Amino acid sequence: KSHGWYAVGVESVHVGDVLITSSPSVLQSFNDDKGTIIDSGTTDSYLPKAASVPFKKAWEQTTGRVYTNKLERYTYEGFLKLP
């Protein structure tokens, strides 16, 4: 049955230069069930729960700011640090 989307196998995930899938269990979480779906029609990204802590640590390391799902305001210099 066609769903109109394709799943891909994930080999690694980076936030900026920081690898967040160095743990085998985190990498596996991207490939469980249906795999990872890449949807070019949305700006939303949903990550597996297992990637939450590595993502947040990498975000802070890369941007210098704690990750939040709330509206953030950035200076131009802060914007340039975004991955």
Protein backbone atom coordinates (compact mmCIF):
# COMPACT_ATOMS: atom_id res chain seq x y z
CA LYS A 1 0.00 0.00 0.00
CA SER A 2 1.37 3.41 -0.95
CA HIS A 3 1.42 5.99 1.83
CA GLY A 4 2.84 8.85 -0.26
CA TRP A 5 6.06 8.92 1.77
CA TYR A 6 9.30 7.02 1.95
CA ALA A 7 11.30 5.88 4.96
CA VAL A 8 15.07 6.08 4.96
CA GLY A 9 17.71 4.32 7.02
CA VAL A 10 19.69 6.69 9.22
CA GLU A 11 23.46 6.25 9.55
CA SER A 12 24.20 9.31 11.71
CA VAL A 13 22.62 12.53 12.96
CA HIS A 14 24.50 15.74 13.76
CA VAL A 15 23.50 19.01 15.37
CA GLY A 16 26.03 21.36 13.86
CA ASP A 17 29.29 19.44 14.22
CA VAL A 18 28.10 17.36 17.19
CA LEU A 19 27.20 13.71 16.54
CA ILE A 20 24.09 12.76 18.54
CA THR A 21 23.88 9.13 17.38
CA SER A 22 27.17 7.88 18.86
CA SER A 23 25.17 5.58 21.16
CA PRO A 24 23.98 2.48 19.28
CA SER A 25 20.59 2.64 21.04
CA VAL A 26 20.02 6.24 19.95
CA LEU A 27 20.96 5.41 16.36
CA GLN A 28 18.69 2.35 16.43
CA SER A 29 15.78 4.50 17.61
CA PHE A 30 15.90 6.39 14.31
CA ASN A 31 15.58 3.12 12.40
CA ASP A 32 12.95 1.32 14.53
CA ASP A 33 9.43 0.64 13.27
CA LYS A 34 8.97 2.40 9.92
CA GLY A 35 12.37 4.09 9.94
CA THR A 36 12.77 7.82 9.51
CA ILE A 37 10.50 9.77 7.19
CA ILE A 38 11.88 12.84 5.43
CA ASP A 39 9.06 15.25 4.57
CA SER A 40 10.14 18.22 2.49
CA GLY A 41 6.69 19.76 2.88
CA THR A 42 7.04 20.73 6.55
CA THR A 43 9.39 22.64 8.79
CA ASP A 44 8.59 20.40 11.76
CA SER A 45 11.03 17.76 12.94
CA TYR A 46 10.15 14.91 15.26
CA LEU A 47 12.96 12.98 16.86
CA PRO A 48 12.77 9.68 18.72
CA LYS A 49 12.54 10.03 22.50
CA ALA A 50 15.93 8.33 22.86
CA ALA A 51 17.52 11.27 21.01
CA SER A 52 16.11 13.91 23.38
CA VAL A 53 19.03 14.20 25.83
CA PRO A 54 21.80 13.96 23.19
CA PHE A 55 19.96 16.52 21.03
CA LYS A 56 19.53 18.99 23.88
CA LYS A 57 23.18 18.67 24.91
CA ALA A 58 24.36 19.12 21.32
CA TRP A 59 22.03 22.11 20.83
CA GLU A 60 23.45 23.84 23.89
CA GLN A 61 27.02 22.99 22.89
CA THR A 62 26.44 24.31 19.36
CA THR A 63 24.38 27.42 20.10
CA GLY A 64 25.34 28.27 23.68
CA ARG A 65 21.64 28.25 24.62
CA VAL A 66 19.40 25.75 26.37
CA TYR A 67 16.95 24.13 23.92
CA THR A 68 13.31 25.08 24.32
CA ASN A 69 10.23 24.49 22.22
CA LYS A 70 9.06 28.02 22.92
CA LEU A 71 9.47 31.16 20.83
CA GLU A 72 13.05 32.38 21.00
CA ARG A 73 14.53 35.67 19.90
CA TYR A 74 18.05 35.74 18.55
CA THR A 75 20.48 38.48 17.70
CA TYR A 76 22.00 38.26 14.25
CA GLU A 77 25.18 36.82 15.81
CA GLY A 78 23.13 34.25 17.74
CA PHE A 79 21.24 33.35 14.57
CA LEU A 80 24.51 32.67 12.79
CA LYS A 81 25.37 30.06 15.46
CA LEU A 82 22.26 28.01 14.68
CA PRO A 83 23.01 24.67 13.04
